[in-house]
PDB file of N, CA and C in Angstrom:
ATOM      1  N   MET A   1      44.871 -35.725 -87.386  1.00  0.00           N
ATOM      2  CA  MET A   1      44.578 -36.072 -86.020  1.00  0.00           C
ATOM      3  C   MET A   1      45.013 -37.511 -85.782  1.00  0.00           C
ATOM      4  N   LYS A   2      45.645 -37.725 -84.636  1.00  0.00           N
ATOM      5  CA  LYS A   2      46.146 -39.042 -84.308  1.00  0.00           C
ATOM      6  C   LYS A   2      45.018 -39.911 -83.737  1.00  0.00           C
ATOM      7  N   ARG A   3      44.993 -41.144 -84.133  1.00  0.00           N
ATOM      8  CA  ARG A   3      43.959 -42.069 -83.696  1.00  0.00           C
ATOM      9  C   ARG A   3      44.366 -42.724 -82.372  1.00  0.00           C
ATOM     10  N   ILE A   4      43.416 -42.891 -81.464  1.00  0.00           N
ATOM     11  CA  ILE A   4      43.683 -43.541 -80.179  1.00  0.00           C
ATOM     12  C   ILE A   4      43.821 -45.037 -80.423  1.00  0.00           C
ATOM     13  N   THR A   5      44.881 -45.604 -79.883  1.00  0.00           N
ATOM     14  CA  THR A   5      45.104 -47.038 -80.063  1.00  0.00           C
ATOM     15  C   THR A   5      44.289 -47.823 -79.048  1.00  0.00           C
ATOM     16  N   ALA A   6      44.191 -49.097 -79.271  1.00  0.00           N
ATOM     17  CA  ALA A   6      43.431 -49.969 -78.373  1.00  0.00           C
ATOM     18  C   ALA A   6      44.101 -50.030 -77.006  1.00  0.00           C
ATOM     19  N   ILE A   7      43.295 -50.193 -75.996  1.00  0.00           N
ATOM     20  CA  ILE A   7      43.805 -50.297 -74.629  1.00  0.00           C
ATOM     21  C   ILE A   7      44.253 -51.739 -74.385  1.00  0.00           C
ATOM     22  N   THR A   8      45.476 -51.868 -73.908  1.00  0.00           N
ATOM     23  CA  THR A   8      46.004 -53.201 -73.625  1.00  0.00           C
ATOM     24  C   THR A   8      45.485 -53.673 -72.266  1.00  0.00           C
ATOM     25  N   PRO A   9      45.489 -54.971 -72.005  1.00  0.00           N
ATOM     26  CA  PRO A   9      45.041 -55.471 -70.698  1.00  0.00           C
ATOM     27  C   PRO A   9      45.840 -54.882 -69.530  1.00  0.00           C
ATOM     28  N   GLY A  10      47.122 -54.650 -69.736  1.00  0.00           N
ATOM     29  CA  GLY A  10      47.945 -54.044 -68.686  1.00  0.00           C
ATOM     30  C   GLY A  10      47.512 -52.627 -68.364  1.00  0.00           C
ATOM     31  N   MET A  11      47.202 -51.863 -69.399  1.00  0.00           N
ATOM     32  CA  MET A  11      46.737 -50.490 -69.189  1.00  0.00           C
ATOM     33  C   MET A  11      45.379 -50.485 -68.499  1.00  0.00           C
ATOM     34  N   ALA A  12      44.507 -51.389 -68.878  1.00  0.00           N
ATOM     35  CA  ALA A  12      43.183 -51.466 -68.257  1.00  0.00           C
ATOM     36  C   ALA A  12      43.311 -51.828 -66.779  1.00  0.00           C
ATOM     37  N   ALA A  13      44.191 -52.760 -66.452  1.00  0.00           N
ATOM     38  CA  ALA A  13      44.404 -53.147 -65.052  1.00  0.00           C
ATOM     39  C   ALA A  13      44.971 -51.981 -64.254  1.00  0.00           C
ATOM     40  N   PHE A  14      45.879 -51.225 -64.861  1.00  0.00           N
ATOM     41  CA  PHE A  14      46.457 -50.062 -64.196  1.00  0.00           C
ATOM     42  C   PHE A  14      45.392 -49.012 -63.899  1.00  0.00           C
ATOM     43  N   VAL A  15      44.568 -48.712 -64.887  1.00  0.00           N
ATOM     44  CA  VAL A  15      43.504 -47.717 -64.709  1.00  0.00           C
ATOM     45  C   VAL A  15      42.500 -48.191 -63.657  1.00  0.00           C
ATOM     46  N   LEU A  16      42.153 -49.459 -63.687  1.00  0.00           N
ATOM     47  CA  LEU A  16      41.231 -50.015 -62.697  1.00  0.00           C
ATOM     48  C   LEU A  16      41.835 -49.940 -61.298  1.00  0.00           C
ATOM     49  N   GLY A  17      43.116 -50.245 -61.176  1.00  0.00           N
ATOM     50  CA  GLY A  17      43.793 -50.178 -59.879  1.00  0.00           C
ATOM     51  C   GLY A  17      43.821 -48.771 -59.319  1.00  0.00           C
ATOM     52  N   ILE A  18      44.151 -47.805 -60.164  1.00  0.00           N
ATOM     53  CA  ILE A  18      44.178 -46.407 -59.732  1.00  0.00           C
ATOM     54  C   ILE A  18      42.778 -45.951 -59.325  1.00  0.00           C
ATOM     55  N   THR A  19      41.771 -46.318 -60.102  1.00  0.00           N
ATOM     56  CA  THR A  19      40.394 -45.944 -59.787  1.00  0.00           C
ATOM     57  C   THR A  19      39.956 -46.547 -58.460  1.00  0.00           C
ATOM     58  N   LEU A  20      40.274 -47.809 -58.232  1.00  0.00           N
ATOM     59  CA  LEU A  20      39.938 -48.477 -56.983  1.00  0.00           C
ATOM     60  C   LEU A  20      40.661 -47.829 -55.806  1.00  0.00           C
ATOM     61  N   PHE A  21      41.921 -47.527 -55.978  1.00  0.00           N
ATOM     62  CA  PHE A  21      42.706 -46.866 -54.930  1.00  0.00           C
ATOM     63  C   PHE A  21      42.097 -45.515 -54.560  1.00  0.00           C
ATOM     64  N   LEU A  22      41.726 -44.719 -55.552  1.00  0.00           N
ATOM     65  CA  LEU A  22      41.116 -43.421 -55.292  1.00  0.00           C
ATOM     66  C   LEU A  22      39.756 -43.556 -54.613  1.00  0.00           C
ATOM     67  N   ALA A  23      38.952 -44.515 -55.043  1.00  0.00           N
ATOM     68  CA  ALA A  23      37.629 -44.711 -54.452  1.00  0.00           C
ATOM     69  C   ALA A  23      37.744 -45.110 -52.983  1.00  0.00           C
ATOM     70  N   ILE A  24      38.662 -45.999 -52.664  1.00  0.00           N
ATOM     71  CA  ILE A  24      38.855 -46.410 -51.272  1.00  0.00           C
ATOM     72  C   ILE A  24      39.378 -45.243 -50.442  1.00  0.00           C
ATOM     73  N   GLY A  25      40.282 -44.477 -50.997  1.00  0.00           N
ATOM     74  CA  GLY A  25      40.809 -43.302 -50.300  1.00  0.00           C
ATOM     75  C   GLY A  25      39.728 -42.277 -50.012  1.00  0.00           C
ATOM     76  N   ILE A  26      38.862 -42.033 -50.967  1.00  0.00           N
ATOM     77  CA  ILE A  26      37.774 -41.080 -50.777  1.00  0.00           C
ATOM     78  C   ILE A  26      36.793 -41.598 -49.727  1.00  0.00           C
ATOM     79  N   ALA A  27      36.486 -42.884 -49.738  1.00  0.00           N
ATOM     80  CA  ALA A  27      35.565 -43.466 -48.753  1.00  0.00           C
ATOM     81  C   ALA A  27      36.136 -43.352 -47.333  1.00  0.00           C
ATOM     82  N   ILE A  28      37.422 -43.641 -47.171  1.00  0.00           N
ATOM     83  CA  ILE A  28      38.055 -43.541 -45.851  1.00  0.00           C
ATOM     84  C   ILE A  28      38.086 -42.092 -45.376  1.00  0.00           C
ATOM     85  N   THR A  29      38.411 -41.179 -46.265  1.00  0.00           N
ATOM     86  CA  THR A  29      38.448 -39.760 -45.920  1.00  0.00           C
ATOM     87  C   THR A  29      37.069 -39.258 -45.507  1.00  0.00           C
ATOM     88  N   ALA A  30      36.033 -39.639 -46.235  1.00  0.00           N
ATOM     89  CA  ALA A  30      34.673 -39.206 -45.909  1.00  0.00           C
ATOM     90  C   ALA A  30      34.241 -39.761 -44.557  1.00  0.00           C
ATOM     91  N   GLN A  31      34.516 -41.027 -44.292  1.00  0.00           N
ATOM     92  CA  GLN A  31      34.136 -41.631 -43.015  1.00  0.00           C
ATOM     93  C   GLN A  31      34.860 -40.945 -41.862  1.00  0.00           C
ATOM     94  N   SER A  32      36.131 -40.660 -42.041  1.00  0.00           N
ATOM     95  CA  SER A  32      36.905 -39.981 -41.010  1.00  0.00           C
ATOM     96  C   SER A  32      36.358 -38.578 -40.745  1.00  0.00           C
ATOM     97  N   TYR A  33      36.028 -37.854 -41.803  1.00  0.00           N
ATOM     98  CA  TYR A  33      35.502 -36.505 -41.661  1.00  0.00           C
ATOM     99  C   TYR A  33      34.164 -36.506 -40.924  1.00  0.00           C
ATOM    100  N   PHE A  34      33.243 -37.385 -41.310  1.00  0.00           N
ATOM    101  CA  PHE A  34      31.931 -37.402 -40.675  1.00  0.00           C
ATOM    102  C   PHE A  34      32.024 -37.854 -39.222  1.00  0.00           C
ATOM    103  N   SER A  35      32.956 -38.721 -38.890  1.00  0.00           N
ATOM    104  CA  SER A  35      33.183 -39.116 -37.504  1.00  0.00           C
ATOM    105  C   SER A  35      33.676 -37.924 -36.698  1.00  0.00           C
ATOM    106  N   TYR A  36      34.595 -37.161 -37.255  1.00  0.00           N
ATOM    107  CA  TYR A  36      35.111 -35.963 -36.605  1.00  0.00           C
ATOM    108  C   TYR A  36      33.999 -34.951 -36.356  1.00  0.00           C
ATOM    109  N   VAL A  37      33.160 -34.736 -37.358  1.00  0.00           N
ATOM    110  CA  VAL A  37      32.061 -33.774 -37.220  1.00  0.00           C
ATOM    111  C   VAL A  37      31.088 -34.219 -36.136  1.00  0.00           C
ATOM    112  N   GLU A  38      30.768 -35.510 -36.089  1.00  0.00           N
ATOM    113  CA  GLU A  38      29.844 -36.029 -35.087  1.00  0.00           C
ATOM    114  C   GLU A  38      30.370 -35.783 -33.671  1.00  0.00           C
ATOM    115  N   VAL A  39      31.617 -36.098 -33.428  1.00  0.00           N
ATOM    116  CA  VAL A  39      32.208 -35.929 -32.102  1.00  0.00           C
ATOM    117  C   VAL A  39      32.322 -34.451 -31.748  1.00  0.00           C
ATOM    118  N   THR A  40      32.748 -33.632 -32.694  1.00  0.00           N
ATOM    119  CA  THR A  40      32.910 -32.205 -32.437  1.00  0.00           C
ATOM    120  C   THR A  40      31.576 -31.541 -32.102  1.00  0.00           C
ATOM    121  N   GLU A  41      30.521 -31.858 -32.860  1.00  0.00           N
ATOM    122  CA  GLU A  41      29.216 -31.265 -32.586  1.00  0.00           C
ATOM    123  C   GLU A  41      28.685 -31.698 -31.232  1.00  0.00           C
ATOM    124  N   ALA A  42      28.832 -32.970 -30.875  1.00  0.00           N
ATOM    125  CA  ALA A  42      28.363 -33.454 -29.578  1.00  0.00           C
ATOM    126  C   ALA A  42      29.128 -32.770 -28.445  1.00  0.00           C
ATOM    127  N   ALA A  43      30.432 -32.654 -28.581  1.00  0.00           N
ATOM    128  CA  ALA A  43      31.242 -32.023 -27.545  1.00  0.00           C
ATOM    129  C   ALA A  43      30.911 -30.537 -27.422  1.00  0.00           C
ATOM    130  N   ASP A  44      30.738 -29.854 -28.539  1.00  0.00           N
ATOM    131  CA  ASP A  44      30.397 -28.430 -28.508  1.00  0.00           C
ATOM    132  C   ASP A  44      29.065 -28.184 -27.815  1.00  0.00           C
ATOM    133  N   ARG A  45      28.069 -29.028 -28.087  1.00  0.00           N
ATOM    134  CA  ARG A  45      26.772 -28.884 -27.418  1.00  0.00           C
ATOM    135  C   ARG A  45      26.909 -29.086 -25.916  1.00  0.00           C
ATOM    136  N   CYS A  46      27.739 -30.026 -25.527  1.00  0.00           N
ATOM    137  CA  CYS A  46      27.965 -30.279 -24.105  1.00  0.00           C
ATOM    138  C   CYS A  46      28.645 -29.070 -23.452  1.00  0.00           C
ATOM    139  N   TYR A  47      29.666 -28.533 -24.111  1.00  0.00           N
ATOM    140  CA  TYR A  47      30.343 -27.347 -23.575  1.00  0.00           C
ATOM    141  C   TYR A  47      29.378 -26.166 -23.476  1.00  0.00           C
ATOM    142  N   ASP A  48      28.472 -26.017 -24.438  1.00  0.00           N
ATOM    143  CA  ASP A  48      27.485 -24.935 -24.400  1.00  0.00           C
ATOM    144  C   ASP A  48      26.572 -25.049 -23.185  1.00  0.00           C
ATOM    145  N   LEU A  49      26.346 -26.272 -22.710  1.00  0.00           N
ATOM    146  CA  LEU A  49      25.521 -26.490 -21.521  1.00  0.00           C
ATOM    147  C   LEU A  49      26.333 -26.350 -20.237  1.00  0.00           C
ATOM    148  N   GLY A  50      27.618 -26.102 -20.368  1.00  0.00           N
ATOM    149  CA  GLY A  50      28.479 -25.946 -19.202  1.00  0.00           C
ATOM    150  C   GLY A  50      29.003 -27.267 -18.676  1.00  0.00           C
ATOM    151  N   GLY A  51      28.993 -28.283 -19.498  1.00  0.00           N
ATOM    152  CA  GLY A  51      29.427 -29.603 -19.066  1.00  0.00           C
ATOM    153  C   GLY A  51      30.772 -29.992 -19.635  1.00  0.00           C
ATOM    154  N   PHE A  52      31.163 -31.204 -19.272  1.00  0.00           N
ATOM    155  CA  PHE A  52      32.405 -31.774 -19.773  1.00  0.00           C
ATOM    156  C   PHE A  52      32.069 -33.090 -20.472  1.00  0.00           C
ATOM    157  N   PRO A  53      32.355 -33.200 -21.757  1.00  0.00           N
ATOM    158  CA  PRO A  53      31.976 -34.414 -22.486  1.00  0.00           C
ATOM    159  C   PRO A  53      32.893 -35.597 -22.172  1.00  0.00           C
ATOM    160  N   GLU A  54      32.285 -36.749 -22.074  1.00  0.00           N
ATOM    161  CA  GLU A  54      33.024 -37.995 -21.917  1.00  0.00           C
ATOM    162  C   GLU A  54      32.673 -38.854 -23.123  1.00  0.00           C
ATOM    163  N   ILE A  55      33.652 -39.078 -23.990  1.00  0.00           N
ATOM    164  CA  ILE A  55      33.402 -39.732 -25.269  1.00  0.00           C
ATOM    165  C   ILE A  55      34.279 -40.965 -25.400  1.00  0.00           C
ATOM    166  N   GLU A  56      33.678 -42.057 -25.841  1.00  0.00           N
ATOM    167  CA  GLU A  56      34.426 -43.264 -26.178  1.00  0.00           C
ATOM    168  C   GLU A  56      34.145 -43.591 -27.637  1.00  0.00           C
ATOM    169  N   LYS A  57      35.198 -43.950 -28.349  1.00  0.00           N
ATOM    170  CA  LYS A  57      35.059 -44.293 -29.766  1.00  0.00           C
ATOM    171  C   LYS A  57      35.671 -45.654 -30.020  1.00  0.00           C
ATOM    172  N   SER A  58      35.098 -46.352 -30.961  1.00  0.00           N
ATOM    173  CA  SER A  58      35.656 -47.608 -31.446  1.00  0.00           C
ATOM    174  C   SER A  58      35.797 -47.453 -32.954  1.00  0.00           C
ATOM    175  N   GLY A  59      37.032 -47.319 -33.382  1.00  0.00           N
ATOM    176  CA  GLY A  59      37.245 -47.042 -34.803  1.00  0.00           C
ATOM    177  C   GLY A  59      36.730 -45.647 -35.118  1.00  0.00           C
ATOM    178  N   TRP A  60      35.806 -45.573 -36.060  1.00  0.00           N
ATOM    179  CA  TRP A  60      35.228 -44.282 -36.417  1.00  0.00           C
ATOM    180  C   TRP A  60      33.867 -44.063 -35.785  1.00  0.00           C
ATOM    181  N   GLN A  61      33.402 -44.987 -34.986  1.00  0.00           N
ATOM    182  CA  GLN A  61      32.052 -44.890 -34.434  1.00  0.00           C
ATOM    183  C   GLN A  61      32.112 -44.472 -32.967  1.00  0.00           C
ATOM    184  N   MET A  62      31.271 -43.504 -32.591  1.00  0.00           N
ATOM    185  CA  MET A  62      31.167 -43.088 -31.209  1.00  0.00           C
ATOM    186  C   MET A  62      30.310 -44.128 -30.485  1.00  0.00           C
ATOM    187  N   THR A  63      30.892 -44.809 -29.497  1.00  0.00           N
ATOM    188  CA  THR A  63      30.176 -45.878 -28.807  1.00  0.00           C
ATOM    189  C   THR A  63      29.548 -45.408 -27.508  1.00  0.00           C
ATOM    190  N   HIS A  64      30.089 -44.337 -26.924  1.00  0.00           N
ATOM    191  CA  HIS A  64      29.548 -43.837 -25.658  1.00  0.00           C
ATOM    192  C   HIS A  64      29.734 -42.336 -25.607  1.00  0.00           C
ATOM    193  N   PHE A  65      28.678 -41.634 -25.174  1.00  0.00           N
ATOM    194  CA  PHE A  65      28.782 -40.189 -24.976  1.00  0.00           C
ATOM    195  C   PHE A  65      28.012 -39.837 -23.719  1.00  0.00           C
ATOM    196  N   GLU A  66      28.683 -39.058 -22.871  1.00  0.00           N
ATOM    197  CA  GLU A  66      28.044 -38.584 -21.661  1.00  0.00           C
ATOM    198  C   GLU A  66      28.499 -37.156 -21.415  1.00  0.00           C
ATOM    199  N   CYS A  67      27.551 -36.307 -21.086  1.00  0.00           N
ATOM    200  CA  CYS A  67      27.868 -34.905 -20.794  1.00  0.00           C
ATOM    201  C   CYS A  67      27.732 -34.723 -19.288  1.00  0.00           C
ATOM    202  N   ARG A  68      28.865 -34.559 -18.625  1.00  0.00           N
ATOM    203  CA  ARG A  68      28.862 -34.401 -17.159  1.00  0.00           C
ATOM    204  C   ARG A  68      28.744 -32.926 -16.816  1.00  0.00           C
ATOM    205  N   THR A  69      27.684 -32.602 -16.130  1.00  0.00           N
ATOM    206  CA  THR A  69      27.494 -31.227 -15.637  1.00  0.00           C
ATOM    207  C   THR A  69      27.445 -31.289 -14.114  1.00  0.00           C
ATOM    208  N   ASP A  70      28.024 -30.278 -13.487  1.00  0.00           N
ATOM    209  CA  ASP A  70      28.036 -30.250 -12.022  1.00  0.00           C
ATOM    210  C   ASP A  70      27.090 -29.201 -11.500  1.00  0.00           C
TER     211      ASP A  70
END
């Protein structure tokens, strides 16, 4: 059986960089998904009431929601 050699500083930096890149990517993806779900659920509830949703977003956060019914 072959023995694992010591990890060089370059390899450690590479692994750390890849791990950091993946963690940031997963965090951005999760935030985007939950923002989408929040807006979709609010709009669907408004449509179920027979209204028209008025939504304003800033980045991933919904800043204003109004359900206009006539």
